[in-house]
Amino acid sequence: MIPPPKRVAKPRPKPPEPTPALTASLEAPSLVLAPAPLVHEASGESRTRARIEITSTELFAGNREIQIRHAGEIYILRRTSKGKLILTK
């Protein structure tokens, strides 16, 4: 009798990076970053930078919290079970 062939474990494929197409079915609030207008002291002119919009789904990339480094400090941004955002130092 011939023994059955041995099974060789195949490496697991790397999961795809989260994209809007993959996460379109998830409902998450959108985060809009809108910097204040910049004022040039010498001329008194003001100009506004382009507004950047990113969904919280893209920002969190499947995690419930992220760390944000700002001015040498670490802040934690958490997503609650009710879809709210909490920022703590």
C-alpha atoms as a PDB file:
ATOM      1  CA  MET A   1       0.000   0.000   0.000  1.00  0.00           C
ATOM      2  CA  ILE A   2       1.245   3.469  -0.926  1.00  0.00           C
ATOM      3  CA  PRO A   3       1.274   6.023   1.918  1.00  0.00           C
ATOM      4  CA  PRO A   4      -0.698   9.236   1.304  1.00  0.00           C
ATOM      5  CA  PRO A   5       1.371  12.246   0.231  1.00  0.00           C
ATOM      6  CA  LYS A   6       2.570  14.525   3.014  1.00  0.00           C
ATOM      7  CA  ARG A   7       0.949  17.914   3.264  1.00  0.00           C
ATOM      8  CA  VAL A   8       3.286  20.837   2.986  1.00  0.00           C
ATOM      9  CA  ALA A   9       2.200  24.010   4.756  1.00  0.00           C
ATOM     10  CA  LYS A  10       2.007  26.893   2.343  1.00  0.00           C
ATOM     11  CA  PRO A  11       2.799  30.374   3.622  1.00  0.00           C
ATOM     12  CA  ARG A  12      -0.317  32.443   4.175  1.00  0.00           C
ATOM     13  CA  PRO A  13      -0.819  35.219   1.659  1.00  0.00           C
ATOM     14  CA  LYS A  14      -0.434  38.717   3.042  1.00  0.00           C
ATOM     15  CA  PRO A  15      -3.834  40.356   3.600  1.00  0.00           C
ATOM     16  CA  PRO A  16      -4.583  43.253   1.267  1.00  0.00           C
ATOM     17  CA  GLU A  17      -4.083  46.792   2.520  1.00  0.00           C
ATOM     18  CA  PRO A  18      -7.354  48.487   3.485  1.00  0.00           C
ATOM     19  CA  THR A  19      -8.691  50.566   0.639  1.00  0.00           C
ATOM     20  CA  PRO A  20     -11.908  52.495   0.161  1.00  0.00           C
ATOM     21  CA  ALA A  21     -13.160  49.661  -2.059  1.00  0.00           C
ATOM     22  CA  LEU A  22     -12.572  47.065   0.676  1.00  0.00           C
ATOM     23  CA  THR A  23     -14.077  49.199   3.408  1.00  0.00           C
ATOM     24  CA  ALA A  24     -16.944  50.762   1.472  1.00  0.00           C
ATOM     25  CA  SER A  25     -19.446  48.566   3.295  1.00  0.00           C
ATOM     26  CA  LEU A  26     -18.326  49.887   6.692  1.00  0.00           C
ATOM     27  CA  GLU A  27     -20.045  53.016   7.875  1.00  0.00           C
ATOM     28  CA  ALA A  28     -17.637  55.303   9.685  1.00  0.00           C
ATOM     29  CA  PRO A  29     -17.677  59.032  10.232  1.00  0.00           C
ATOM     30  CA  SER A  30     -15.492  61.098   7.959  1.00  0.00           C
ATOM     31  CA  LEU A  31     -12.665  63.196   9.346  1.00  0.00           C
ATOM     32  CA  VAL A  32     -11.993  66.493   7.601  1.00  0.00           C
ATOM     33  CA  LEU A  33      -8.757  68.287   8.362  1.00  0.00           C
ATOM     34  CA  ALA A  34      -9.057  71.974   7.555  1.00  0.00           C
ATOM     35  CA  PRO A  35      -6.073  74.088   8.562  1.00  0.00           C
ATOM     36  CA  ALA A  36      -6.663  77.704   9.490  1.00  0.00           C
ATOM     37  CA  PRO A  37      -5.718  80.333   6.923  1.00  0.00           C
ATOM     38  CA  LEU A  38      -2.063  81.317   6.981  1.00  0.00           C
ATOM     39  CA  VAL A  39      -1.382  85.013   7.504  1.00  0.00           C
ATOM     40  CA  HIS A  40       1.827  86.505   6.164  1.00  0.00           C
ATOM     41  CA  GLU A  41       2.887  89.086   8.719  1.00  0.00           C
ATOM     42  CA  ALA A  42       4.943  91.136   6.270  1.00  0.00           C
ATOM     43  CA  SER A  43       2.214  91.598   3.677  1.00  0.00           C
ATOM     44  CA  GLY A  44      -0.935  91.016   5.744  1.00  0.00           C
ATOM     45  CA  GLU A  45      -2.135  88.576   3.054  1.00  0.00           C
ATOM     46  CA  SER A  46      -3.858  85.388   3.970  1.00  0.00           C
ATOM     47  CA  ARG A  47      -4.023  82.207   1.972  1.00  0.00           C
ATOM     48  CA  THR A  48      -5.709  78.931   2.749  1.00  0.00           C
ATOM     49  CA  ARG A  49      -4.059  75.587   2.210  1.00  0.00           C
ATOM     50  CA  ALA A  50      -5.932  72.892   0.329  1.00  0.00           C
ATOM     51  CA  ARG A  51      -8.347  70.979   2.546  1.00  0.00           C
ATOM     52  CA  ILE A  52      -7.415  67.346   3.150  1.00  0.00           C
ATOM     53  CA  GLU A  53     -10.225  64.825   3.666  1.00  0.00           C
ATOM     54  CA  ILE A  54      -9.688  61.267   4.864  1.00  0.00           C
ATOM     55  CA  THR A  55     -12.271  58.835   6.192  1.00  0.00           C
ATOM     56  CA  SER A  56     -11.819  57.477   9.682  1.00  0.00           C
ATOM     57  CA  THR A  57     -11.821  53.998   8.135  1.00  0.00           C
ATOM     58  CA  GLU A  58      -8.728  54.920   6.124  1.00  0.00           C
ATOM     59  CA  LEU A  59      -7.150  56.656   9.105  1.00  0.00           C
ATOM     60  CA  PHE A  60      -7.677  53.774  11.540  1.00  0.00           C
ATOM     61  CA  ALA A  61      -6.920  51.034   8.940  1.00  0.00           C
ATOM     62  CA  GLY A  62      -8.843  48.400  10.906  1.00  0.00           C
ATOM     63  CA  ASN A  63      -7.561  49.445  14.344  1.00  0.00           C
ATOM     64  CA  ARG A  64      -9.655  50.815  17.222  1.00  0.00           C
ATOM     65  CA  GLU A  65      -7.027  53.392  18.178  1.00  0.00           C
ATOM     66  CA  ILE A  66      -4.059  55.180  16.666  1.00  0.00           C
ATOM     67  CA  GLN A  67      -1.193  57.223  18.073  1.00  0.00           C
ATOM     68  CA  ILE A  68      -0.605  60.737  16.796  1.00  0.00           C
ATOM     69  CA  ARG A  69       2.693  62.517  17.447  1.00  0.00           C
ATOM     70  CA  HIS A  70       2.258  66.291  17.655  1.00  0.00           C
ATOM     71  CA  ALA A  71       4.842  68.802  18.904  1.00  0.00           C
ATOM     72  CA  GLY A  72       6.841  66.033  20.575  1.00  0.00           C
ATOM     73  CA  GLU A  73       3.805  64.638  22.429  1.00  0.00           C
ATOM     74  CA  ILE A  74       1.859  61.421  21.791  1.00  0.00           C
ATOM     75  CA  TYR A  75      -1.929  61.597  21.578  1.00  0.00           C
ATOM     76  CA  ILE A  76      -4.281  58.606  21.344  1.00  0.00           C
ATOM     77  CA  LEU A  77      -7.273  58.790  19.000  1.00  0.00           C
ATOM     78  CA  ARG A  78      -9.861  56.111  19.818  1.00  0.00           C
ATOM     79  CA  ARG A  79     -12.997  55.039  17.981  1.00  0.00           C
ATOM     80  CA  THR A  80     -15.825  54.082  20.347  1.00  0.00           C
ATOM     81  CA  SER A  81     -18.315  51.281  19.779  1.00  0.00           C
ATOM     82  CA  LYS A  82     -20.919  53.969  18.988  1.00  0.00           C
ATOM     83  CA  GLY A  83     -18.759  55.498  16.241  1.00  0.00           C
ATOM     84  CA  LYS A  84     -17.550  58.531  18.200  1.00  0.00           C
ATOM     85  CA  LEU A  85     -13.923  59.705  18.297  1.00  0.00           C
ATOM     86  CA  ILE A  86     -12.044  60.442  21.530  1.00  0.00           C
ATOM     87  CA  LEU A  87      -8.656  62.185  21.548  1.00  0.00           C
ATOM     88  CA  THR A  88      -6.580  61.920  24.739  1.00  0.00           C
ATOM     89  CA  LYS A  89      -3.056  62.910  25.672  1.00  0.00           C
END
